PDB file of N, CA and C in Angstrom:
ATOM      1  N   MET A   1       6.669 117.492-103.669  1.00  0.00           N
ATOM      2  CA  MET A   1       6.743 116.064-103.840  1.00  0.00           C
ATOM      3  C   MET A   1       5.969 115.686-105.095  1.00  0.00           C
ATOM      4  N   SER A   2       6.350 114.590-105.721  1.00  0.00           N
ATOM      5  CA  SER A   2       5.765 114.177-106.986  1.00  0.00           C
ATOM      6  C   SER A   2       5.141 112.789-106.858  1.00  0.00           C
ATOM      7  N   HIS A   3       3.986 112.611-107.493  1.00  0.00           N
ATOM      8  CA  HIS A   3       3.254 111.338-107.426  1.00  0.00           C
ATOM      9  C   HIS A   3       2.738 110.986-108.812  1.00  0.00           C
ATOM     10  N   ASN A   4       2.649 109.667-109.104  1.00  0.00           N
ATOM     11  CA  ASN A   4       1.986 109.308-110.352  1.00  0.00           C
ATOM     12  C   ASN A   4       0.476 109.330-110.108  1.00  0.00           C
ATOM     13  N   VAL A   5      -0.310 109.260-111.185  1.00  0.00           N
ATOM     14  CA  VAL A   5      -1.764 109.406-111.077  1.00  0.00           C
ATOM     15  C   VAL A   5      -2.360 108.362-110.143  1.00  0.00           C
ATOM     16  N   LYS A   6      -1.897 107.127-110.237  1.00  0.00           N
ATOM     17  CA  LYS A   6      -2.439 106.058-109.385  1.00  0.00           C
ATOM     18  C   LYS A   6      -2.187 106.361-107.909  1.00  0.00           C
ATOM     19  N   GLU A   7      -0.962 106.773-107.576  1.00  0.00           N
ATOM     20  CA  GLU A   7      -0.645 107.135-106.187  1.00  0.00           C
ATOM     21  C   GLU A   7      -1.509 108.309-105.731  1.00  0.00           C
ATOM     22  N   ALA A   8      -1.687 109.277-106.608  1.00  0.00           N
ATOM     23  CA  ALA A   8      -2.487 110.453-106.257  1.00  0.00           C
ATOM     24  C   ALA A   8      -3.926 110.056-105.958  1.00  0.00           C
ATOM     25  N   LYS A   9      -4.495 109.176-106.782  1.00  0.00           N
ATOM     26  CA  LYS A   9      -5.875 108.717-106.545  1.00  0.00           C
ATOM     27  C   LYS A   9      -5.978 108.001-105.203  1.00  0.00           C
ATOM     28  N   ASN A  10      -5.028 107.138-104.934  1.00  0.00           N
ATOM     29  CA  ASN A  10      -5.068 106.339-103.696  1.00  0.00           C
ATOM     30  C   ASN A  10      -4.781 107.163-102.446  1.00  0.00           C
ATOM     31  N   ASN A  11      -4.112 108.285-102.594  1.00  0.00           N
ATOM     32  CA  ASN A  11      -3.695 109.082-101.437  1.00  0.00           C
ATOM     33  C   ASN A  11      -4.172 110.528-101.523  1.00  0.00           C
ATOM     34  N   LEU A  12      -5.314 110.757-102.159  1.00  0.00           N
ATOM     35  CA  LEU A  12      -5.782 112.121-102.373  1.00  0.00           C
ATOM     36  C   LEU A  12      -5.905 112.910-101.068  1.00  0.00           C
ATOM     37  N   SER A  13      -6.443 112.291-100.026  1.00  0.00           N
ATOM     38  CA  SER A  13      -6.591 112.994 -98.739  1.00  0.00           C
ATOM     39  C   SER A  13      -5.245 113.459 -98.205  1.00  0.00           C
ATOM     40  N   SER A  14      -4.241 112.617 -98.323  1.00  0.00           N
ATOM     41  CA  SER A  14      -2.898 112.979 -97.856  1.00  0.00           C
ATOM     42  C   SER A  14      -2.308 114.108 -98.691  1.00  0.00           C
ATOM     43  N   LEU A  15      -2.515 114.046-100.004  1.00  0.00           N
ATOM     44  CA  LEU A  15      -2.019 115.102-100.886  1.00  0.00           C
ATOM     45  C   LEU A  15      -2.657 116.436-100.530  1.00  0.00           C
ATOM     46  N   ILE A  16      -3.947 116.419-100.259  1.00  0.00           N
ATOM     47  CA  ILE A  16      -4.656 117.652 -99.893  1.00  0.00           C
ATOM     48  C   ILE A  16      -4.116 118.203 -98.578  1.00  0.00           C
ATOM     49  N   ARG A  17      -3.910 117.336 -97.591  1.00  0.00           N
ATOM     50  CA  ARG A  17      -3.365 117.785 -96.303  1.00  0.00           C
ATOM     51  C   ARG A  17      -1.991 118.439 -96.478  1.00  0.00           C
ATOM     52  N   LEU A  18      -1.129 117.813 -97.296  1.00  0.00           N
ATOM     53  CA  LEU A  18       0.200 118.384 -97.534  1.00  0.00           C
ATOM     54  C   LEU A  18       0.101 119.731 -98.248  1.00  0.00           C
ATOM     55  N   ALA A  19      -0.800 119.823 -99.216  1.00  0.00           N
ATOM     56  CA  ALA A  19      -0.993 121.080 -99.934  1.00  0.00           C
ATOM     57  C   ALA A  19      -1.486 122.166 -98.987  1.00  0.00           C
ATOM     58  N   GLU A  20      -2.375 121.814 -98.073  1.00  0.00           N
ATOM     59  CA  GLU A  20      -2.882 122.782 -97.086  1.00  0.00           C
ATOM     60  C   GLU A  20      -1.763 123.302 -96.197  1.00  0.00           C
ATOM     61  N   LYS A  21      -0.736 122.483 -95.988  1.00  0.00           N
ATOM     62  CA  LYS A  21       0.414 122.889 -95.166  1.00  0.00           C
ATOM     63  C   LYS A  21       1.419 123.709 -95.961  1.00  0.00           C
ATOM     64  N   GLY A  22       1.086 123.998 -97.216  1.00  0.00           N
ATOM     65  CA  GLY A  22       1.980 124.809 -98.043  1.00  0.00           C
ATOM     66  C   GLY A  22       2.974 124.006 -98.851  1.00  0.00           C
ATOM     67  N   GLU A  23       2.719 122.708 -99.019  1.00  0.00           N
ATOM     68  CA  GLU A  23       3.609 121.845 -99.792  1.00  0.00           C
ATOM     69  C   GLU A  23       2.899 121.391-101.069  1.00  0.00           C
ATOM     70  N   PRO A  24       3.051 122.097-102.178  1.00  0.00           N
ATOM     71  CA  PRO A  24       2.386 121.706-103.421  1.00  0.00           C
ATOM     72  C   PRO A  24       2.765 120.282-103.828  1.00  0.00           C
ATOM     73  N   GLN A  25       1.797 119.553-104.352  1.00  0.00           N
ATOM     74  CA  GLN A  25       1.999 118.167-104.747  1.00  0.00           C
ATOM     75  C   GLN A  25       1.858 118.041-106.264  1.00  0.00           C
ATOM     76  N   ILE A  26       2.906 117.570-106.925  1.00  0.00           N
ATOM     77  CA  ILE A  26       2.919 117.436-108.376  1.00  0.00           C
ATOM     78  C   ILE A  26       2.425 116.041-108.753  1.00  0.00           C
ATOM     79  N   ILE A  27       1.572 115.985-109.781  1.00  0.00           N
ATOM     80  CA  ILE A  27       1.052 114.707-110.265  1.00  0.00           C
ATOM     81  C   ILE A  27       1.608 114.461-111.664  1.00  0.00           C
ATOM     82  N   ARG A  28       2.132 113.231-111.887  1.00  0.00           N
ATOM     83  CA  ARG A  28       2.734 112.846-113.161  1.00  0.00           C
ATOM     84  C   ARG A  28       1.891 111.777-113.854  1.00  0.00           C
ATOM     85  N   ARG A  29       1.884 111.839-115.164  1.00  0.00           N
ATOM     86  CA  ARG A  29       1.319 110.761-115.981  1.00  0.00           C
ATOM     87  C   ARG A  29       2.397 110.400-116.996  1.00  0.00           C
ATOM     88  N   ASN A  30       2.783 109.140-116.994  1.00  0.00           N
ATOM     89  CA  ASN A  30       3.858 108.673-117.888  1.00  0.00           C
ATOM     90  C   ASN A  30       5.124 109.518-117.728  1.00  0.00           C
ATOM     91  N   GLU A  31       5.468 109.773-116.489  1.00  0.00           N
ATOM     92  CA  GLU A  31       6.662 110.534-116.109  1.00  0.00           C
ATOM     93  C   GLU A  31       6.639 111.999-116.546  1.00  0.00           C
ATOM     94  N   LYS A  32       5.505 112.471-117.049  1.00  0.00           N
ATOM     95  CA  LYS A  32       5.373 113.883-117.421  1.00  0.00           C
ATOM     96  C   LYS A  32       4.514 114.576-116.362  1.00  0.00           C
ATOM     97  N   GLU A  33       4.989 115.704-115.851  1.00  0.00           N
ATOM     98  CA  GLU A  33       4.223 116.464-114.854  1.00  0.00           C
ATOM     99  C   GLU A  33       2.998 117.068-115.534  1.00  0.00           C
ATOM    100  N   VAL A  34       1.798 116.749-114.997  1.00  0.00           N
ATOM    101  CA  VAL A  34       0.561 117.187-115.650  1.00  0.00           C
ATOM    102  C   VAL A  34      -0.355 118.028-114.765  1.00  0.00           C
ATOM    103  N   ALA A  35      -0.163 118.001-113.450  1.00  0.00           N
ATOM    104  CA  ALA A  35      -1.054 118.743-112.556  1.00  0.00           C
ATOM    105  C   ALA A  35      -0.345 119.017-111.236  1.00  0.00           C
ATOM    106  N   VAL A  36      -0.923 119.985-110.488  1.00  0.00           N
ATOM    107  CA  VAL A  36      -0.397 120.322-109.175  1.00  0.00           C
ATOM    108  C   VAL A  36      -1.564 120.508-108.217  1.00  0.00           C
ATOM    109  N   VAL A  37      -1.443 119.960-107.017  1.00  0.00           N
ATOM    110  CA  VAL A  37      -2.436 120.192-105.962  1.00  0.00           C
ATOM    111  C   VAL A  37      -1.831 121.236-105.026  1.00  0.00           C
ATOM    112  N   VAL A  38      -2.521 122.376-104.906  1.00  0.00           N
ATOM    113  CA  VAL A  38      -2.057 123.451-104.025  1.00  0.00           C
ATOM    114  C   VAL A  38      -3.196 123.855-103.101  1.00  0.00           C
ATOM    115  N   SER A  39      -2.860 124.541-102.025  1.00  0.00           N
ATOM    116  CA  SER A  39      -3.894 125.029-101.107  1.00  0.00           C
ATOM    117  C   SER A  39      -4.708 126.108-101.792  1.00  0.00           C
ATOM    118  N   ILE A  40      -5.936 126.315-101.334  1.00  0.00           N
ATOM    119  CA  ILE A  40      -6.782 127.345-101.911  1.00  0.00           C
ATOM    120  C   ILE A  40      -6.177 128.729-101.677  1.00  0.00           C
ATOM    121  N   GLU A  41      -5.500 128.931-100.551  1.00  0.00           N
ATOM    122  CA  GLU A  41      -4.861 130.214-100.289  1.00  0.00           C
ATOM    123  C   GLU A  41      -3.781 130.509-101.323  1.00  0.00           C
ATOM    124  N   ASP A  42      -2.942 129.500-101.619  1.00  0.00           N
ATOM    125  CA  ASP A  42      -1.903 129.679-102.634  1.00  0.00           C
ATOM    126  C   ASP A  42      -2.521 129.936-104.003  1.00  0.00           C
ATOM    127  N   TRP A  43      -3.565 129.198-104.345  1.00  0.00           N
ATOM    128  CA  TRP A  43      -4.211 129.350-105.636  1.00  0.00           C
ATOM    129  C   TRP A  43      -4.798 130.754-105.785  1.00  0.00           C
ATOM    130  N   LYS A  44      -5.485 131.235-104.733  1.00  0.00           N
ATOM    131  CA  LYS A  44      -6.066 132.584-104.793  1.00  0.00           C
ATOM    132  C   LYS A  44      -4.982 133.646-104.900  1.00  0.00           C
ATOM    133  N   ARG A  45      -3.893 133.451-104.179  1.00  0.00           N
ATOM    134  CA  ARG A  45      -2.795 134.421-104.226  1.00  0.00           C
ATOM    135  C   ARG A  45      -2.187 134.466-105.627  1.00  0.00           C
ATOM    136  N   LEU A  46      -2.032 133.314-106.248  1.00  0.00           N
ATOM    137  CA  LEU A  46      -1.423 133.260-107.579  1.00  0.00           C
ATOM    138  C   LEU A  46      -2.373 133.684-108.685  1.00  0.00           C
ATOM    139  N   ASN A  47      -3.669 133.534-108.483  1.00  0.00           N
ATOM    140  CA  ASN A  47      -4.646 133.816-109.532  1.00  0.00           C
ATOM    141  C   ASN A  47      -5.586 134.956-109.196  1.00  0.00           C
ATOM    142  N   GLY A  48      -5.251 135.699-108.180  1.00  0.00           N
ATOM    143  CA  GLY A  48      -6.106 136.805-107.773  1.00  0.00           C
ATOM    144  C   GLY A  48      -6.056 137.962-108.754  1.00  0.00           C
ATOM    145  N   LYS A  49      -6.731 139.024-108.387  1.00  0.00           N
ATOM    146  CA  LYS A  49      -6.778 140.221-109.236  1.00  0.00           C
ATOM    147  C   LYS A  49      -5.371 140.782-109.394  1.00  0.00           C
ATOM    148  N   LYS A  50      -4.998 141.014-110.627  1.00  0.00           N
ATOM    149  CA  LYS A  50      -3.685 141.577-110.924  1.00  0.00           C
ATOM    150  C   LYS A  50      -3.778 143.099-110.873  1.00  0.00           C
ATOM    151  N   THR A  51      -2.800 143.708-110.254  1.00  0.00           N
ATOM    152  CA  THR A  51      -2.754 145.162-110.147  1.00  0.00           C
ATOM    153  C   THR A  51      -2.201 145.741-111.440  1.00  0.00           C
ATOM    154  N   SER A  52      -2.881 146.745-111.970  1.00  0.00           N
ATOM    155  CA  SER A  52      -2.380 147.403-113.181  1.00  0.00           C
ATOM    156  C   SER A  52      -1.210 148.309-112.812  1.00  0.00           C
ATOM    157  N   LEU A  53      -0.442 148.701-113.811  1.00  0.00           N
ATOM    158  CA  LEU A  53       0.681 149.588-113.566  1.00  0.00           C
ATOM    159  C   LEU A  53       0.203 150.924-113.004  1.00  0.00           C
ATOM    160  N   VAL A  54      -0.902 151.429-113.513  1.00  0.00           N
ATOM    161  CA  VAL A  54      -1.451 152.695-113.019  1.00  0.00           C
ATOM    162  C   VAL A  54      -1.817 152.568-111.538  1.00  0.00           C
ATOM    163  N   GLU A  55      -2.496 151.483-111.159  1.00  0.00           N
ATOM    164  CA  GLU A  55      -2.871 151.284-109.753  1.00  0.00           C
ATOM    165  C   GLU A  55      -1.635 151.169-108.874  1.00  0.00           C
ATOM    166  N   LEU A  56      -0.611 150.472-109.371  1.00  0.00           N
ATOM    167  CA  LEU A  56       0.625 150.318-108.614  1.00  0.00           C
ATOM    168  C   LEU A  56       1.294 151.671-108.386  1.00  0.00           C
ATOM    169  N   LEU A  57       1.374 152.479-109.444  1.00  0.00           N
ATOM    170  CA  LEU A  57       2.006 153.795-109.301  1.00  0.00           C
ATOM    171  C   LEU A  57       1.207 154.715-108.399  1.00  0.00           C
ATOM    172  N   ARG A  58      -0.122 154.645-108.477  1.00  0.00           N
ATOM    173  CA  ARG A  58      -0.964 155.494-107.619  1.00  0.00           C
ATOM    174  C   ARG A  58      -0.867 155.109-106.145  1.00  0.00           C
ATOM    175  N   SER A  59      -0.498 153.860-105.868  1.00  0.00           N
ATOM    176  CA  SER A  59      -0.389 153.427-104.473  1.00  0.00           C
ATOM    177  C   SER A  59       1.035 153.581-103.937  1.00  0.00           C
ATOM    178  N   SER A  60       1.912 154.142-104.745  1.00  0.00           N
ATOM    179  CA  SER A  60       3.302 154.320-104.349  1.00  0.00           C
ATOM    180  C   SER A  60       3.417 155.288-103.172  1.00  0.00           C
ATOM    181  N   PRO A  61       4.358 155.055-102.274  1.00  0.00           N
ATOM    182  CA  PRO A  61       4.574 156.007-101.177  1.00  0.00           C
ATOM    183  C   PRO A  61       5.142 157.340-101.671  1.00  0.00           C
ATOM    184  N   LEU A  62       5.547 157.410-102.933  1.00  0.00           N
ATOM    185  CA  LEU A  62       6.101 158.643-103.488  1.00  0.00           C
ATOM    186  C   LEU A  62       5.046 159.550-104.105  1.00  0.00           C
ATOM    187  N   VAL A  63       3.776 159.135-104.054  1.00  0.00           N
ATOM    188  CA  VAL A  63       2.710 159.969-104.609  1.00  0.00           C
ATOM    189  C   VAL A  63       2.719 161.318-103.902  1.00  0.00           C
ATOM    190  N   GLY A  64       2.726 162.406-104.695  1.00  0.00           N
ATOM    191  CA  GLY A  64       2.721 163.747-104.128  1.00  0.00           C
ATOM    192  C   GLY A  64       4.108 164.306-103.886  1.00  0.00           C
ATOM    193  N   GLU A  65       5.136 163.481-103.985  1.00  0.00           N
ATOM    194  CA  GLU A  65       6.507 163.952-103.797  1.00  0.00           C
ATOM    195  C   GLU A  65       6.974 164.663-105.060  1.00  0.00           C
ATOM    196  N   GLU A  66       7.815 165.660-104.894  1.00  0.00           N
ATOM    197  CA  GLU A  66       8.397 166.352-106.034  1.00  0.00           C
ATOM    198  C   GLU A  66       9.593 165.538-106.528  1.00  0.00           C
ATOM    199  N   LEU A  67       9.591 165.216-107.805  1.00  0.00           N
ATOM    200  CA  LEU A  67      10.689 164.471-108.395  1.00  0.00           C
ATOM    201  C   LEU A  67      11.452 165.372-109.355  1.00  0.00           C
ATOM    202  N   ASP A  68      12.761 165.249-109.364  1.00  0.00           N
ATOM    203  CA  ASP A  68      13.590 166.002-110.292  1.00  0.00           C
ATOM    204  C   ASP A  68      13.720 165.188-111.571  1.00  0.00           C
ATOM    205  N   LEU A  69      13.023 165.589-112.628  1.00  0.00           N
ATOM    206  CA  LEU A  69      13.029 164.858-113.882  1.00  0.00           C
ATOM    207  C   LEU A  69      13.839 165.577-114.957  1.00  0.00           C
ATOM    208  N   THR A  70      14.705 166.502-114.567  1.00  0.00           N
ATOM    209  CA  THR A  70      15.534 167.190-115.549  1.00  0.00           C
ATOM    210  C   THR A  70      16.633 166.262-116.032  1.00  0.00           C
ATOM    211  N   ARG A  71      17.030 166.467-117.285  1.00  0.00           N
ATOM    212  CA  ARG A  71      18.066 165.632-117.881  1.00  0.00           C
ATOM    213  C   ARG A  71      19.427 166.277-117.690  1.00  0.00           C
ATOM    214  N   GLN A  72      20.419 165.444-117.614  1.00  0.00           N
ATOM    215  CA  GLN A  72      21.784 165.910-117.524  1.00  0.00           C
ATOM    216  C   GLN A  72      22.175 166.494-118.888  1.00  0.00           C
ATOM    217  N   GLU A  73      22.890 167.612-118.911  1.00  0.00           N
ATOM    218  CA  GLU A  73      23.172 168.278-120.173  1.00  0.00           C
ATOM    219  C   GLU A  73      24.630 168.142-120.594  1.00  0.00           C
ATOM    220  N   ASP A  74      25.302 167.079-120.224  1.00  0.00           N
ATOM    221  CA  ASP A  74      26.667 166.885-120.694  1.00  0.00           C
ATOM    222  C   ASP A  74      26.639 166.254-122.086  1.00  0.00           C
ATOM    223  N   TYR A  75      27.782 166.269-122.754  1.00  0.00           N
ATOM    224  CA  TYR A  75      27.853 165.753-124.112  1.00  0.00           C
ATOM    225  C   TYR A  75      28.069 164.248-124.097  1.00  0.00           C
ATOM    226  N   PRO A  76      27.611 163.554-125.147  1.00  0.00           N
ATOM    227  CA  PRO A  76      27.822 162.102-125.184  1.00  0.00           C
ATOM    228  C   PRO A  76      29.300 161.771-125.375  1.00  0.00           C
ATOM    229  N   ARG A  77      29.683 160.616-124.957  1.00  0.00           N
ATOM    230  CA  ARG A  77      31.096 160.205-125.112  1.00  0.00           C
ATOM    231  C   ARG A  77      31.378 159.898-126.577  1.00  0.00           C
ATOM    232  N   GLU A  78      32.647 159.960-126.923  1.00  0.00           N
ATOM    233  CA  GLU A  78      33.023 159.661-128.298  1.00  0.00           C
ATOM    234  C   GLU A  78      33.007 158.164-128.503  1.00  0.00           C
ATOM    235  N   PHE A  79      32.603 157.757-129.707  1.00  0.00           N
ATOM    236  CA  PHE A  79      32.461 156.344-130.000  1.00  0.00           C
ATOM    237  C   PHE A  79      32.875 156.094-131.436  1.00  0.00           C
ATOM    238  N   SER A  80      33.527 154.982-131.687  1.00  0.00           N
ATOM    239  CA  SER A  80      33.939 154.640-133.046  1.00  0.00           C
ATOM    240  C   SER A  80      33.361 153.281-133.412  1.00  0.00           C
ATOM    241  N   PHE A  81      32.896 153.168-134.653  1.00  0.00           N
ATOM    242  CA  PHE A  81      32.380 151.898-135.136  1.00  0.00           C
ATOM    243  C   PHE A  81      33.499 151.055-135.779  1.00  0.00           C
ATOM    244  N   GLY A  82      34.715 151.414-135.539  1.00  0.00           N
ATOM    245  CA  GLY A  82      35.853 150.658-136.052  1.00  0.00           C
ATOM    246  C   GLY A  82      36.241 151.011-137.472  1.00  0.00           C
ATOM    247  N   GLU A  83      35.859 152.137-137.954  1.00  0.00           N
ATOM    248  CA  GLU A  83      36.172 152.547-139.326  1.00  0.00           C
ATOM    249  C   GLU A  83      37.538 153.136-139.413  1.00  0.00           C
TER     250      GLU A  83
END
């Protein structure tokens, strides 16, 4: 839901309650969206520690599995550049 700054000031408690229920509240100034009220849980989830690619790969269920990384040895298809 979207509110202008004046409405947001007058209804801050209501905006917070809605955000706590998982309904982010957008605040506009001069019809431009300038802020969002979200629950602390949503904010922490969105801004928490980011997992690096190395950490993600190390936590994969495939860790320790043997993977076949050999390349296929067929020839490339013929291609013309229109000459």
